[in-house]
Amino acid sequence: MIENATLTPTDHHRKKLIEPTANKGTADNKDEEKELHALCKPRLRAIHDTMDLLSGKWKVAIIGYLHTMGKCRFMQLQRNIEGIGAKMLSKELKDLEINELVTRTVLHTRPVTVEYELTDYGKTLQNIINELCSWGFKHRERILKKQTECSCGEDPEFGCEAPKATKIAG
């Protein structure tokens, strides 16, 4: 297995690529650029694999809900994950189960009860889910703040007549 340290470009590599190439031969610069690309490629592949696994509108929400709530029944998930239908929830849970992120336990009750929970492997996504959540809170706060700002820079609560800013600069 490749260690993460070997996949991260060092400041030394970045500085060499940013420095002016007037004093350097183009061969050195191209070699260093190839080296950086070689470091980047496995990282991009890992990101791609993760995004394939967590793609779609619902999987991260399901994992996040199970992370927060623990064991849940199917109907509890459907009621609390806003907008998901039974068919889609069933499909996404099957995908998560196939990828060993979620376990499905059938309880021998009448009527039959099914519970879902994150596996230990699924729980390894906890930091990713927490970071997504944290970033989402900050992003929502940023967007709401920008939506309430006036284009003239004045506080809209004190009678500014200018239109509110609608576009958010990247």
N, C-alpha and C. Protein backbone atom coordinates (compact mmCIF):
# COMPACT_ATOMS: atom_id res chain seq x y z
N MET A 1 0.84 -1.19 0.00
CA MET A 1 0.00 0.00 0.00
C MET A 1 0.88 1.25 0.00
N ILE A 2 0.48 2.24 -0.74
CA ILE A 2 1.24 3.49 -0.83
C ILE A 2 0.87 4.38 0.34
N GLU A 3 1.86 4.93 1.00
CA GLU A 3 1.59 5.84 2.11
C GLU A 3 1.13 7.18 1.58
N ASN A 4 0.25 7.85 2.35
CA ASN A 4 -0.24 9.16 1.95
C ASN A 4 0.88 10.17 1.78
N ALA A 5 1.93 10.04 2.59
CA ALA A 5 3.03 11.00 2.52
C ALA A 5 3.68 10.99 1.15
N THR A 6 3.70 9.84 0.49
CA THR A 6 4.34 9.78 -0.81
C THR A 6 3.43 10.36 -1.90
N LEU A 7 2.16 10.58 -1.58
CA LEU A 7 1.22 11.08 -2.57
C LEU A 7 1.03 12.58 -2.49
N THR A 8 1.60 13.22 -1.50
CA THR A 8 1.40 14.65 -1.31
C THR A 8 2.58 15.42 -1.85
N PRO A 9 2.35 16.32 -2.80
CA PRO A 9 3.45 17.14 -3.29
C PRO A 9 4.01 18.00 -2.15
N THR A 10 5.31 18.07 -2.06
CA THR A 10 5.93 18.86 -1.01
C THR A 10 5.99 20.33 -1.42
N ASP A 11 6.23 21.18 -0.45
CA ASP A 11 6.41 22.61 -0.75
C ASP A 11 7.60 22.79 -1.69
N HIS A 12 8.60 21.95 -1.52
CA HIS A 12 9.78 22.00 -2.38
C HIS A 12 9.37 21.81 -3.85
N HIS A 13 8.51 20.82 -4.12
CA HIS A 13 8.04 20.58 -5.49
C HIS A 13 7.24 21.77 -6.01
N ARG A 14 6.35 22.29 -5.17
CA ARG A 14 5.50 23.41 -5.59
C ARG A 14 6.34 24.64 -5.91
N LYS A 15 7.31 24.95 -5.03
CA LYS A 15 8.15 26.13 -5.23
C LYS A 15 8.93 26.02 -6.53
N LYS A 16 9.44 24.84 -6.81
CA LYS A 16 10.22 24.67 -8.03
C LYS A 16 9.38 24.88 -9.27
N LEU A 17 8.11 24.50 -9.22
CA LEU A 17 7.25 24.71 -10.38
C LEU A 17 6.83 26.17 -10.53
N ILE A 18 6.75 26.88 -9.42
CA ILE A 18 6.32 28.27 -9.46
C ILE A 18 7.46 29.21 -9.83
N GLU A 19 8.69 28.84 -9.46
CA GLU A 19 9.85 29.70 -9.74
C GLU A 19 9.96 29.99 -11.23
N PRO A 20 10.45 31.18 -11.56
CA PRO A 20 10.66 31.48 -12.99
C PRO A 20 11.64 30.50 -13.59
N THR A 21 11.39 30.16 -14.83
CA THR A 21 12.23 29.15 -15.48
C THR A 21 13.35 29.78 -16.30
N ALA A 22 13.61 31.06 -16.13
CA ALA A 22 14.65 31.73 -16.90
C ALA A 22 16.03 31.12 -16.65
N ASN A 23 16.30 30.75 -15.39
CA ASN A 23 17.62 30.22 -15.05
C ASN A 23 17.67 28.70 -15.20
N LYS A 24 16.55 28.08 -15.48
CA LYS A 24 16.52 26.63 -15.52
C LYS A 24 16.33 26.14 -16.93
N GLY A 25 16.83 24.96 -17.18
CA GLY A 25 16.57 24.32 -18.46
C GLY A 25 15.15 23.80 -18.48
N THR A 26 14.53 23.74 -19.61
CA THR A 26 13.15 23.27 -19.69
C THR A 26 13.04 21.79 -19.37
N ALA A 27 14.10 21.03 -19.55
CA ALA A 27 14.08 19.61 -19.24
C ALA A 27 13.87 19.38 -17.74
N ASP A 28 14.58 20.16 -16.89
CA ASP A 28 14.41 20.05 -15.44
C ASP A 28 12.98 20.35 -15.04
N ASN A 29 12.44 21.43 -15.58
CA ASN A 29 11.08 21.83 -15.25
C ASN A 29 10.07 20.77 -15.68
N LYS A 30 10.26 20.20 -16.85
CA LYS A 30 9.35 19.17 -17.34
C LYS A 30 9.45 17.92 -16.48
N ASP A 31 10.65 17.57 -16.04
CA ASP A 31 10.82 16.41 -15.18
C ASP A 31 10.09 16.61 -13.86
N GLU A 32 10.20 17.80 -13.30
CA GLU A 32 9.53 18.08 -12.03
C GLU A 32 8.02 18.12 -12.22
N GLU A 33 7.57 18.63 -13.34
CA GLU A 33 6.14 18.64 -13.62
C GLU A 33 5.62 17.21 -13.76
N LYS A 34 6.37 16.35 -14.41
CA LYS A 34 5.99 14.94 -14.53
C LYS A 34 5.94 14.28 -13.16
N GLU A 35 6.90 14.65 -12.31
CA GLU A 35 6.94 14.10 -10.96
C GLU A 35 5.69 14.51 -10.18
N LEU A 36 5.31 15.77 -10.31
CA LEU A 36 4.09 16.23 -9.64
C LEU A 36 2.86 15.53 -10.19
N HIS A 37 2.78 15.36 -11.50
CA HIS A 37 1.65 14.64 -12.10
C HIS A 37 1.61 13.20 -11.60
N ALA A 38 2.78 12.58 -11.45
CA ALA A 38 2.85 11.21 -10.95
C ALA A 38 2.34 11.14 -9.51
N LEU A 39 2.61 12.17 -8.73
CA LEU A 39 2.10 12.22 -7.35
C LEU A 39 0.60 12.46 -7.33
N CYS A 40 0.12 13.23 -8.27
CA CYS A 40 -1.29 13.62 -8.31
C CYS A 40 -2.20 12.50 -8.80
N LYS A 41 -1.71 11.71 -9.73
CA LYS A 41 -2.55 10.69 -10.37
C LYS A 41 -3.19 9.71 -9.38
N PRO A 42 -2.43 9.11 -8.45
CA PRO A 42 -3.07 8.20 -7.49
C PRO A 42 -4.08 8.92 -6.59
N ARG A 43 -3.80 10.16 -6.26
CA ARG A 43 -4.74 10.93 -5.43
C ARG A 43 -6.06 11.15 -6.19
N LEU A 44 -5.95 11.51 -7.45
CA LEU A 44 -7.16 11.71 -8.26
C LEU A 44 -7.94 10.41 -8.42
N ARG A 45 -7.22 9.30 -8.58
CA ARG A 45 -7.88 8.00 -8.69
C ARG A 45 -8.63 7.68 -7.40
N ALA A 46 -8.01 7.94 -6.26
CA ALA A 46 -8.66 7.68 -4.97
C ALA A 46 -9.90 8.56 -4.80
N ILE A 47 -9.81 9.82 -5.20
CA ILE A 47 -10.97 10.72 -5.14
C ILE A 47 -12.07 10.21 -6.04
N HIS A 48 -11.70 9.80 -7.25
CA HIS A 48 -12.67 9.27 -8.21
C HIS A 48 -13.37 8.03 -7.64
N ASP A 49 -12.60 7.11 -7.05
CA ASP A 49 -13.18 5.91 -6.45
C ASP A 49 -14.16 6.26 -5.33
N THR A 50 -13.78 7.21 -4.51
CA THR A 50 -14.66 7.64 -3.41
C THR A 50 -15.93 8.27 -3.95
N MET A 51 -15.79 9.13 -4.96
CA MET A 51 -16.96 9.79 -5.53
C MET A 51 -17.88 8.78 -6.22
N ASP A 52 -17.31 7.76 -6.86
CA ASP A 52 -18.14 6.71 -7.46
C ASP A 52 -18.96 6.00 -6.38
N LEU A 53 -18.33 5.71 -5.27
CA LEU A 53 -19.00 4.99 -4.18
C LEU A 53 -20.09 5.85 -3.53
N LEU A 54 -19.82 7.14 -3.37
CA LEU A 54 -20.75 8.02 -2.66
C LEU A 54 -21.58 8.89 -3.59
N SER A 55 -21.55 8.60 -4.89
CA SER A 55 -22.23 9.45 -5.86
C SER A 55 -23.74 9.42 -5.68
N GLY A 56 -24.36 10.40 -6.26
CA GLY A 56 -25.81 10.49 -6.20
C GLY A 56 -26.26 11.45 -5.12
N LYS A 57 -27.53 11.65 -5.10
CA LYS A 57 -28.12 12.64 -4.21
C LYS A 57 -28.30 12.11 -2.79
N TRP A 58 -28.37 10.78 -2.62
CA TRP A 58 -28.86 10.25 -1.36
C TRP A 58 -27.87 9.52 -0.49
N LYS A 59 -26.82 8.96 -1.03
CA LYS A 59 -25.95 8.08 -0.23
C LYS A 59 -25.30 8.80 0.94
N VAL A 60 -24.78 9.98 0.70
CA VAL A 60 -24.14 10.72 1.79
C VAL A 60 -25.18 11.09 2.86
N ALA A 61 -26.39 11.44 2.42
CA ALA A 61 -27.46 11.76 3.38
C ALA A 61 -27.81 10.53 4.23
N ILE A 62 -27.90 9.37 3.59
CA ILE A 62 -28.21 8.13 4.32
C ILE A 62 -27.11 7.82 5.32
N ILE A 63 -25.86 7.88 4.86
CA ILE A 63 -24.73 7.60 5.75
C ILE A 63 -24.69 8.61 6.88
N GLY A 64 -24.91 9.88 6.58
CA GLY A 64 -24.93 10.91 7.62
C GLY A 64 -26.02 10.68 8.64
N TYR A 65 -27.20 10.30 8.17
CA TYR A 65 -28.31 10.04 9.09
C TYR A 65 -28.01 8.84 9.98
N LEU A 66 -27.52 7.75 9.37
CA LEU A 66 -27.18 6.56 10.17
C LEU A 66 -26.04 6.84 11.13
N HIS A 67 -25.11 7.69 10.71
CA HIS A 67 -24.00 8.07 11.59
C HIS A 67 -24.53 8.79 12.83
N THR A 68 -25.49 9.68 12.61
CA THR A 68 -26.04 10.47 13.71
C THR A 68 -26.99 9.65 14.58
N MET A 69 -27.86 8.87 13.95
CA MET A 69 -28.95 8.21 14.67
C MET A 69 -28.64 6.77 15.10
N GLY A 70 -27.66 6.15 14.48
CA GLY A 70 -27.40 4.74 14.79
C GLY A 70 -28.36 3.85 14.02
N LYS A 71 -28.76 2.72 14.62
CA LYS A 71 -29.67 1.80 13.95
C LYS A 71 -30.99 2.48 13.61
N CYS A 72 -31.46 2.25 12.39
CA CYS A 72 -32.74 2.83 11.95
C CYS A 72 -33.52 1.81 11.14
N ARG A 73 -34.80 1.90 11.25
CA ARG A 73 -35.68 1.11 10.41
C ARG A 73 -35.89 1.83 9.09
N PHE A 74 -36.33 1.07 8.10
CA PHE A 74 -36.52 1.60 6.76
C PHE A 74 -37.43 2.82 6.76
N MET A 75 -38.58 2.70 7.39
CA MET A 75 -39.55 3.81 7.38
C MET A 75 -39.02 5.04 8.12
N GLN A 76 -38.23 4.83 9.15
CA GLN A 76 -37.62 5.96 9.86
C GLN A 76 -36.68 6.72 8.93
N LEU A 77 -35.90 5.97 8.16
CA LEU A 77 -35.01 6.61 7.18
C LEU A 77 -35.82 7.37 6.14
N GLN A 78 -36.86 6.73 5.62
CA GLN A 78 -37.65 7.37 4.57
C GLN A 78 -38.35 8.63 5.08
N ARG A 79 -38.86 8.59 6.30
CA ARG A 79 -39.54 9.76 6.86
C ARG A 79 -38.58 10.92 7.11
N ASN A 80 -37.36 10.61 7.49
CA ASN A 80 -36.44 11.66 7.94
C ASN A 80 -35.44 12.15 6.90
N ILE A 81 -35.27 11.42 5.82
CA ILE A 81 -34.42 11.89 4.73
C ILE A 81 -35.37 12.51 3.72
N GLU A 82 -35.49 13.80 3.81
CA GLU A 82 -36.49 14.55 3.07
C GLU A 82 -36.38 14.36 1.55
N GLY A 83 -37.49 13.92 0.95
CA GLY A 83 -37.59 13.83 -0.50
C GLY A 83 -37.26 12.48 -1.10
N ILE A 84 -36.74 11.54 -0.32
CA ILE A 84 -36.38 10.24 -0.89
C ILE A 84 -37.61 9.32 -0.91
N GLY A 85 -37.79 8.62 -2.01
CA GLY A 85 -38.88 7.66 -2.13
C GLY A 85 -38.44 6.28 -1.68
N ALA A 86 -39.42 5.42 -1.47
CA ALA A 86 -39.14 4.07 -0.98
C ALA A 86 -38.26 3.28 -1.95
N LYS A 87 -38.56 3.38 -3.23
CA LYS A 87 -37.80 2.63 -4.24
C LYS A 87 -36.34 3.09 -4.28
N MET A 88 -36.12 4.40 -4.25
CA MET A 88 -34.76 4.95 -4.28
C MET A 88 -34.01 4.60 -2.99
N LEU A 89 -34.68 4.72 -1.86
CA LEU A 89 -34.04 4.38 -0.58
C LEU A 89 -33.61 2.92 -0.58
N SER A 90 -34.49 2.05 -1.06
CA SER A 90 -34.17 0.63 -1.12
C SER A 90 -32.95 0.37 -2.00
N LYS A 91 -32.91 1.02 -3.17
CA LYS A 91 -31.79 0.86 -4.11
C LYS A 91 -30.49 1.34 -3.47
N GLU A 92 -30.53 2.53 -2.86
CA GLU A 92 -29.32 3.11 -2.26
C GLU A 92 -28.83 2.27 -1.08
N LEU A 93 -29.74 1.77 -0.27
CA LEU A 93 -29.35 0.91 0.85
C LEU A 93 -28.71 -0.38 0.35
N LYS A 94 -29.24 -0.94 -0.74
CA LYS A 94 -28.63 -2.14 -1.32
C LYS A 94 -27.21 -1.86 -1.80
N ASP A 95 -27.03 -0.72 -2.48
CA ASP A 95 -25.68 -0.34 -2.94
C ASP A 95 -24.72 -0.18 -1.76
N LEU A 96 -25.18 0.47 -0.71
CA LEU A 96 -24.34 0.68 0.47
C LEU A 96 -24.03 -0.65 1.16
N GLU A 97 -25.00 -1.56 1.13
CA GLU A 97 -24.79 -2.88 1.73
C GLU A 97 -23.78 -3.69 0.91
N ILE A 98 -23.90 -3.64 -0.41
CA ILE A 98 -22.96 -4.34 -1.30
C ILE A 98 -21.54 -3.85 -1.06
N ASN A 99 -21.39 -2.54 -0.83
CA ASN A 99 -20.07 -1.96 -0.60
C ASN A 99 -19.63 -2.02 0.87
N GLU A 100 -20.37 -2.76 1.66
CA GLU A 100 -20.05 -3.05 3.06
C GLU A 100 -19.99 -1.80 3.94
N LEU A 101 -20.80 -0.81 3.60
CA LEU A 101 -20.88 0.39 4.42
C LEU A 101 -22.05 0.32 5.39
N VAL A 102 -23.05 -0.47 5.04
CA VAL A 102 -24.28 -0.59 5.83
C VAL A 102 -24.61 -2.07 6.00
N THR A 103 -25.11 -2.43 7.18
CA THR A 103 -25.62 -3.79 7.39
C THR A 103 -27.14 -3.73 7.48
N ARG A 104 -27.74 -4.77 6.99
CA ARG A 104 -29.20 -4.92 7.01
C ARG A 104 -29.50 -6.10 7.92
N THR A 105 -30.29 -5.85 8.96
CA THR A 105 -30.65 -6.91 9.90
C THR A 105 -32.15 -7.11 9.86
N VAL A 106 -32.56 -8.34 9.57
CA VAL A 106 -33.98 -8.69 9.55
C VAL A 106 -34.33 -9.24 10.92
N LEU A 107 -35.27 -8.59 11.59
CA LEU A 107 -35.72 -9.04 12.90
C LEU A 107 -36.95 -9.92 12.71
N HIS A 108 -36.98 -11.02 13.40
CA HIS A 108 -38.09 -11.96 13.26
C HIS A 108 -39.25 -11.54 14.15
N THR A 109 -39.91 -10.51 13.69
CA THR A 109 -41.09 -9.99 14.38
C THR A 109 -42.26 -10.08 13.41
N ARG A 110 -43.44 -9.78 13.91
CA ARG A 110 -44.62 -9.71 13.04
C ARG A 110 -45.18 -8.32 13.14
N PRO A 111 -45.24 -7.57 12.08
CA PRO A 111 -44.64 -7.86 10.78
C PRO A 111 -43.11 -7.82 10.87
N VAL A 112 -42.47 -8.35 9.83
CA VAL A 112 -41.02 -8.41 9.79
C VAL A 112 -40.46 -6.99 9.84
N THR A 113 -39.45 -6.81 10.67
CA THR A 113 -38.81 -5.50 10.82
C THR A 113 -37.38 -5.59 10.29
N VAL A 114 -36.97 -4.57 9.55
CA VAL A 114 -35.61 -4.51 9.02
C VAL A 114 -34.93 -3.27 9.58
N GLU A 115 -33.72 -3.45 10.10
CA GLU A 115 -32.94 -2.34 10.62
C GLU A 115 -31.66 -2.20 9.82
N TYR A 116 -31.21 -0.96 9.68
CA TYR A 116 -29.97 -0.66 8.98
C TYR A 116 -29.05 0.09 9.94
N GLU A 117 -27.76 -0.19 9.81
CA GLU A 117 -26.77 0.57 10.57
C GLU A 117 -25.45 0.55 9.83
N LEU A 118 -24.62 1.52 10.16
CA LEU A 118 -23.30 1.58 9.54
C LEU A 118 -22.43 0.44 10.05
N THR A 119 -21.65 -0.12 9.16
CA THR A 119 -20.66 -1.12 9.57
C THR A 119 -19.46 -0.36 10.15
N ASP A 120 -18.52 -1.10 10.70
CA ASP A 120 -17.29 -0.45 11.17
C ASP A 120 -16.59 0.24 10.00
N TYR A 121 -16.63 -0.40 8.83
CA TYR A 121 -16.04 0.20 7.64
C TYR A 121 -16.79 1.47 7.24
N GLY A 122 -18.11 1.44 7.33
CA GLY A 122 -18.92 2.63 7.03
C GLY A 122 -18.62 3.77 8.00
N LYS A 123 -18.32 3.42 9.23
CA LYS A 123 -18.01 4.44 10.23
C LYS A 123 -16.69 5.14 9.94
N THR A 124 -15.84 4.54 9.09
CA THR A 124 -14.59 5.21 8.73
C THR A 124 -14.85 6.47 7.90
N LEU A 125 -16.06 6.63 7.40
CA LEU A 125 -16.44 7.83 6.64
C LEU A 125 -16.85 8.98 7.57
N GLN A 126 -16.84 8.75 8.87
CA GLN A 126 -17.28 9.74 9.85
C GLN A 126 -16.59 11.09 9.66
N ASN A 127 -15.28 11.10 9.52
CA ASN A 127 -14.57 12.37 9.36
C ASN A 127 -14.96 13.08 8.08
N ILE A 128 -15.14 12.33 7.00
CA ILE A 128 -15.55 12.93 5.72
C ILE A 128 -16.93 13.56 5.87
N ILE A 129 -17.85 12.83 6.48
CA ILE A 129 -19.22 13.33 6.68
C ILE A 129 -19.20 14.57 7.57
N ASN A 130 -18.42 14.53 8.63
CA ASN A 130 -18.32 15.69 9.53
C ASN A 130 -17.75 16.91 8.79
N GLU A 131 -16.73 16.70 7.97
CA GLU A 131 -16.14 17.81 7.20
C GLU A 131 -17.14 18.37 6.18
N LEU A 132 -17.87 17.48 5.50
CA LEU A 132 -18.91 17.94 4.57
C LEU A 132 -19.96 18.77 5.30
N CYS A 133 -20.35 18.30 6.45
CA CYS A 133 -21.34 19.01 7.26
C CYS A 133 -20.82 20.38 7.69
N SER A 134 -19.61 20.41 8.18
CA SER A 134 -19.00 21.66 8.62
C SER A 134 -18.88 22.65 7.46
N TRP A 135 -18.39 22.15 6.32
CA TRP A 135 -18.25 23.02 5.15
C TRP A 135 -19.63 23.51 4.69
N GLY A 136 -20.62 22.62 4.72
CA GLY A 136 -21.98 22.99 4.32
C GLY A 136 -22.57 24.09 5.20
N PHE A 137 -22.35 24.02 6.51
CA PHE A 137 -22.81 25.08 7.41
C PHE A 137 -22.16 26.41 7.05
N LYS A 138 -20.84 26.38 6.86
CA LYS A 138 -20.11 27.61 6.53
C LYS A 138 -20.55 28.16 5.18
N HIS A 139 -20.74 27.29 4.22
CA HIS A 139 -21.16 27.72 2.89
C HIS A 139 -22.55 28.35 2.93
N ARG A 140 -23.48 27.69 3.64
CA ARG A 140 -24.84 28.23 3.75
C ARG A 140 -24.82 29.60 4.41
N GLU A 141 -24.01 29.73 5.46
CA GLU A 141 -23.88 31.01 6.16
C GLU A 141 -23.34 32.08 5.22
N ARG A 142 -22.34 31.73 4.43
CA ARG A 142 -21.73 32.65 3.47
C ARG A 142 -22.75 33.10 2.43
N ILE A 143 -23.49 32.14 1.89
CA ILE A 143 -24.49 32.44 0.86
C ILE A 143 -25.59 33.34 1.44
N LEU A 144 -26.09 33.00 2.61
CA LEU A 144 -27.15 33.81 3.22
C LEU A 144 -26.66 35.22 3.52
N LYS A 145 -25.41 35.34 3.95
CA LYS A 145 -24.84 36.66 4.22
C LYS A 145 -24.77 37.48 2.93
N LYS A 146 -24.29 36.84 1.86
CA LYS A 146 -24.17 37.54 0.57
C LYS A 146 -25.54 37.95 0.03
N GLN A 147 -26.56 37.14 0.27
CA GLN A 147 -27.89 37.44 -0.23
C GLN A 147 -28.51 38.64 0.49
N THR A 148 -28.07 38.91 1.70
CA THR A 148 -28.64 40.03 2.44
C THR A 148 -27.85 41.32 2.27
N GLU A 149 -26.69 41.24 1.62
CA GLU A 149 -25.89 42.45 1.40
C GLU A 149 -26.46 43.25 0.23
N CYS A 150 -26.40 44.56 0.36
CA CYS A 150 -26.82 45.43 -0.74
C CYS A 150 -25.64 45.66 -1.68
N SER A 151 -25.94 45.93 -2.93
CA SER A 151 -24.89 46.17 -3.91
C SER A 151 -24.13 47.46 -3.62
N CYS A 152 -24.74 48.38 -2.83
CA CYS A 152 -24.06 49.64 -2.53
C CYS A 152 -23.19 49.52 -1.28
N GLY A 153 -23.26 48.37 -0.58
CA GLY A 153 -22.43 48.17 0.60
C GLY A 153 -23.09 48.62 1.90
N GLU A 154 -24.25 49.24 1.81
CA GLU A 154 -24.97 49.69 3.02
C GLU A 154 -25.77 48.55 3.61
N ASP A 155 -26.12 48.68 4.87
CA ASP A 155 -26.94 47.69 5.54
C ASP A 155 -28.38 47.85 5.09
N PRO A 156 -29.00 46.80 4.50
CA PRO A 156 -30.36 46.92 3.98
C PRO A 156 -31.41 47.19 5.06
N GLU A 157 -31.09 46.89 6.33
CA GLU A 157 -32.06 47.13 7.39
C GLU A 157 -32.22 48.62 7.70
N PHE A 158 -31.29 49.45 7.24
CA PHE A 158 -31.36 50.88 7.52
C PHE A 158 -31.80 51.68 6.31
N GLY A 159 -32.66 51.09 5.48
CA GLY A 159 -33.30 51.84 4.42
C GLY A 159 -32.56 51.95 3.11
N CYS A 160 -31.62 51.11 2.84
CA CYS A 160 -30.92 51.16 1.56
C CYS A 160 -31.89 50.79 0.45
N GLU A 161 -31.89 51.58 -0.61
CA GLU A 161 -32.80 51.34 -1.71
C GLU A 161 -32.16 50.55 -2.86
N ALA A 162 -30.88 50.28 -2.79
CA ALA A 162 -30.19 49.57 -3.87
C ALA A 162 -30.68 48.12 -3.91
N PRO A 163 -30.66 47.50 -5.08
CA PRO A 163 -31.07 46.09 -5.16
C PRO A 163 -30.10 45.21 -4.41
N LYS A 164 -30.63 44.13 -3.87
CA LYS A 164 -29.78 43.17 -3.14
C LYS A 164 -28.91 42.43 -4.13
N ALA A 165 -27.71 42.08 -3.67
CA ALA A 165 -26.79 41.32 -4.50
C ALA A 165 -27.36 39.93 -4.72
N THR A 166 -27.46 39.51 -5.97
CA THR A 166 -28.00 38.18 -6.25
C THR A 166 -26.94 37.22 -6.74
N LYS A 167 -25.91 37.73 -7.37
CA LYS A 167 -24.85 36.86 -7.86
C LYS A 167 -23.73 36.79 -6.85
N ILE A 168 -23.19 35.61 -6.70
CA ILE A 168 -22.11 35.41 -5.74
C ILE A 168 -20.82 35.18 -6.52
N ALA A 169 -19.85 36.02 -6.21
CA ALA A 169 -18.54 35.89 -6.87
C ALA A 169 -17.86 34.63 -6.38
N GLY A 170 -17.20 33.92 -7.29
CA GLY A 170 -16.52 32.67 -6.96
C GLY A 170 -15.31 32.93 -6.21
